[in-house]
């Protein structure tokens, strides 16, 4: 079995070479993909939490009369 310059076998079909190229990309960029996926999931969870009115009131209401921030 002779391999070409890029390490692929020319006897393989174009579909097999394409799938192998995708898997090679995922193998190389695994950390970046997981890093981006973490931020996307965190964004969706935070967006869901802040869209509910009962949770959103935490950011708006003052909890008491005593001023925690003196200049606000």
N, C-alpha and C. Protein backbone atom coordinates (compact mmCIF):
# COMPACT_ATOMS: atom_id res chain seq x y z
N UNK A 1 0.84 -1.17 0.00
CA UNK A 1 0.00 0.00 0.00
C UNK A 1 0.89 1.24 0.00
N UNK A 2 0.88 1.97 -1.08
CA UNK A 2 1.74 3.14 -1.23
C UNK A 2 0.97 4.40 -0.87
N UNK A 3 1.59 5.23 -0.06
CA UNK A 3 0.95 6.48 0.35
C UNK A 3 1.53 7.64 -0.44
N UNK A 4 0.70 8.66 -0.67
CA UNK A 4 1.15 9.84 -1.41
C UNK A 4 1.90 10.80 -0.51
N UNK A 5 2.10 12.01 -1.02
CA UNK A 5 2.86 13.03 -0.30
C UNK A 5 2.16 13.43 0.99
N UNK A 6 0.84 13.61 0.94
CA UNK A 6 0.08 14.05 2.11
C UNK A 6 -0.23 12.93 3.08
N UNK A 7 0.23 11.74 2.84
CA UNK A 7 -0.04 10.63 3.72
C UNK A 7 -1.34 9.92 3.40
N UNK A 8 -1.97 10.27 2.27
CA UNK A 8 -3.22 9.61 1.88
C UNK A 8 -2.95 8.62 0.78
N UNK A 9 -3.77 7.66 0.69
CA UNK A 9 -3.65 6.64 -0.34
C UNK A 9 -4.49 7.07 -1.53
N UNK A 10 -3.92 7.15 -2.70
CA UNK A 10 -4.65 7.59 -3.90
C UNK A 10 -5.69 6.57 -4.33
N UNK A 11 -5.62 5.34 -3.83
CA UNK A 11 -6.61 4.34 -4.18
C UNK A 11 -7.90 4.54 -3.40
N UNK A 12 -7.86 5.37 -2.36
CA UNK A 12 -9.07 5.63 -1.58
C UNK A 12 -9.98 6.57 -2.35
N UNK A 13 -11.26 6.46 -2.09
CA UNK A 13 -12.22 7.32 -2.78
C UNK A 13 -12.14 8.74 -2.24
N UNK A 14 -12.73 9.67 -2.96
CA UNK A 14 -12.74 11.07 -2.54
C UNK A 14 -13.50 11.23 -1.22
N UNK A 15 -14.56 10.47 -1.06
CA UNK A 15 -15.35 10.55 0.17
C UNK A 15 -14.51 10.08 1.37
N UNK A 16 -13.77 9.02 1.22
CA UNK A 16 -12.92 8.52 2.30
C UNK A 16 -11.84 9.54 2.65
N UNK A 17 -11.23 10.14 1.62
CA UNK A 17 -10.22 11.17 1.88
C UNK A 17 -10.82 12.38 2.57
N UNK A 18 -12.05 12.75 2.20
CA UNK A 18 -12.72 13.90 2.83
C UNK A 18 -13.01 13.63 4.29
N UNK A 19 -13.53 12.44 4.56
CA UNK A 19 -13.83 12.08 5.94
C UNK A 19 -12.55 12.02 6.77
N UNK A 20 -11.48 11.48 6.21
CA UNK A 20 -10.20 11.43 6.91
C UNK A 20 -9.67 12.84 7.18
N UNK A 21 -9.88 13.75 6.23
CA UNK A 21 -9.43 15.14 6.43
C UNK A 21 -10.21 15.81 7.55
N UNK A 22 -11.51 15.55 7.62
CA UNK A 22 -12.33 16.12 8.71
C UNK A 22 -11.87 15.57 10.05
N UNK A 23 -11.64 14.27 10.12
CA UNK A 23 -11.19 13.67 11.38
C UNK A 23 -9.81 14.20 11.78
N UNK A 24 -8.94 14.42 10.81
CA UNK A 24 -7.62 14.97 11.10
C UNK A 24 -7.74 16.39 11.64
N UNK A 25 -8.64 17.19 11.05
CA UNK A 25 -8.87 18.55 11.54
C UNK A 25 -9.38 18.54 12.98
N UNK A 26 -10.34 17.66 13.27
CA UNK A 26 -10.90 17.58 14.63
C UNK A 26 -9.81 17.14 15.61
N UNK A 27 -8.97 16.23 15.19
CA UNK A 27 -7.88 15.76 16.06
C UNK A 27 -6.91 16.88 16.37
N UNK A 28 -6.60 17.73 15.38
CA UNK A 28 -5.66 18.83 15.57
C UNK A 28 -6.29 19.95 16.38
N UNK A 29 -7.55 20.27 16.11
CA UNK A 29 -8.20 21.43 16.73
C UNK A 29 -9.12 21.03 17.88
N UNK A 30 -8.85 19.93 18.54
CA UNK A 30 -9.75 19.43 19.58
C UNK A 30 -9.90 20.43 20.73
N UNK A 31 -8.81 21.00 21.19
CA UNK A 31 -8.88 21.93 22.33
C UNK A 31 -9.68 23.17 21.97
N UNK A 32 -9.43 23.73 20.78
CA UNK A 32 -10.14 24.94 20.37
C UNK A 32 -11.64 24.67 20.22
N UNK A 33 -11.99 23.51 19.69
CA UNK A 33 -13.40 23.17 19.53
C UNK A 33 -14.07 23.04 20.89
N UNK A 34 -13.43 22.37 21.83
CA UNK A 34 -14.00 22.22 23.17
C UNK A 34 -14.08 23.55 23.89
N UNK A 35 -13.08 24.42 23.71
CA UNK A 35 -13.06 25.74 24.32
C UNK A 35 -14.24 26.57 23.82
N UNK A 36 -14.45 26.58 22.52
CA UNK A 36 -15.57 27.32 21.93
C UNK A 36 -16.90 26.73 22.37
N UNK A 37 -16.99 25.42 22.40
CA UNK A 37 -18.22 24.75 22.82
C UNK A 37 -18.57 25.08 24.27
N UNK A 38 -17.56 25.17 25.14
CA UNK A 38 -17.79 25.54 26.53
C UNK A 38 -18.42 26.92 26.62
N UNK A 39 -17.88 27.90 25.88
CA UNK A 39 -18.42 29.25 25.94
C UNK A 39 -19.82 29.35 25.33
N UNK A 40 -20.08 28.58 24.29
CA UNK A 40 -21.42 28.59 23.69
C UNK A 40 -22.44 28.04 24.67
N UNK A 41 -22.11 26.94 25.34
CA UNK A 41 -23.03 26.34 26.32
C UNK A 41 -23.21 27.27 27.51
N UNK A 42 -22.12 27.88 28.00
CA UNK A 42 -22.23 28.82 29.11
C UNK A 42 -23.09 30.02 28.73
N UNK A 43 -22.94 30.53 27.51
CA UNK A 43 -23.75 31.65 27.05
C UNK A 43 -25.22 31.28 26.99
N UNK A 44 -25.53 30.10 26.48
CA UNK A 44 -26.93 29.68 26.38
C UNK A 44 -27.57 29.51 27.75
N UNK A 45 -26.82 28.96 28.70
CA UNK A 45 -27.35 28.79 30.05
C UNK A 45 -27.57 30.14 30.71
N UNK A 46 -26.59 31.05 30.60
CA UNK A 46 -26.72 32.37 31.21
C UNK A 46 -27.86 33.15 30.55
N UNK A 47 -27.99 33.04 29.24
CA UNK A 47 -29.06 33.73 28.52
C UNK A 47 -30.42 33.20 28.98
N UNK A 48 -30.53 31.92 29.16
CA UNK A 48 -31.78 31.32 29.61
C UNK A 48 -32.12 31.78 31.03
N UNK A 49 -31.11 31.83 31.90
CA UNK A 49 -31.37 32.26 33.28
C UNK A 49 -31.79 33.72 33.35
N UNK A 50 -31.15 34.57 32.58
CA UNK A 50 -31.45 36.00 32.67
C UNK A 50 -32.72 36.37 31.93
N UNK A 51 -33.26 35.47 31.10
CA UNK A 51 -34.49 35.79 30.39
C UNK A 51 -35.72 35.55 31.25
N UNK A 52 -35.57 34.80 32.32
CA UNK A 52 -36.72 34.55 33.21
C UNK A 52 -36.90 35.75 34.14
N UNK A 53 -38.12 36.27 34.26
CA UNK A 53 -38.33 37.48 35.07
C UNK A 53 -37.95 37.31 36.54
N UNK A 54 -38.20 36.14 37.11
CA UNK A 54 -37.90 35.97 38.54
C UNK A 54 -36.41 36.00 38.83
N UNK A 55 -35.60 35.56 37.87
CA UNK A 55 -34.16 35.64 38.07
C UNK A 55 -33.61 37.02 37.67
N UNK A 56 -34.26 37.65 36.71
CA UNK A 56 -33.81 38.93 36.22
C UNK A 56 -33.99 40.03 37.27
N UNK A 57 -34.92 39.86 38.19
CA UNK A 57 -35.15 40.87 39.21
C UNK A 57 -33.98 41.01 40.16
N UNK A 58 -33.14 40.02 40.25
CA UNK A 58 -31.96 40.08 41.11
C UNK A 58 -31.06 41.22 40.67
N UNK A 59 -30.98 41.47 39.37
CA UNK A 59 -30.10 42.50 38.84
C UNK A 59 -30.71 43.90 38.95
N UNK A 60 -32.02 44.00 39.20
CA UNK A 60 -32.70 45.28 39.14
C UNK A 60 -33.06 45.80 40.52
N UNK A 61 -33.60 44.94 41.37
CA UNK A 61 -34.11 45.38 42.67
C UNK A 61 -32.99 45.66 43.66
N UNK A 62 -33.27 46.61 44.55
CA UNK A 62 -32.40 46.81 45.71
C UNK A 62 -32.95 45.95 46.83
N UNK A 63 -32.08 45.35 47.58
CA UNK A 63 -32.52 44.39 48.58
C UNK A 63 -33.01 45.04 49.87
N UNK A 64 -32.66 46.26 50.12
CA UNK A 64 -33.12 46.90 51.35
C UNK A 64 -32.93 48.39 51.29
N UNK A 65 -33.27 49.05 52.40
CA UNK A 65 -33.13 50.50 52.44
C UNK A 65 -31.70 50.92 52.71
N UNK A 66 -30.96 50.08 53.42
CA UNK A 66 -29.57 50.44 53.70
C UNK A 66 -28.76 50.39 52.40
N UNK A 67 -28.09 51.47 52.14
CA UNK A 67 -27.37 51.59 50.87
C UNK A 67 -26.05 50.83 50.95
N UNK A 68 -25.96 49.80 50.17
CA UNK A 68 -24.72 49.03 50.13
C UNK A 68 -23.65 49.80 49.35
N UNK A 69 -24.08 50.45 48.26
CA UNK A 69 -23.19 51.30 47.48
C UNK A 69 -23.52 52.75 47.84
N UNK A 70 -22.65 53.45 48.54
CA UNK A 70 -22.98 54.78 49.05
C UNK A 70 -23.19 55.82 47.96
N UNK A 71 -22.57 55.68 46.81
CA UNK A 71 -22.69 56.71 45.77
C UNK A 71 -23.43 56.16 44.57
N UNK A 72 -24.62 55.63 44.76
CA UNK A 72 -25.32 55.02 43.63
C UNK A 72 -26.69 55.49 43.41
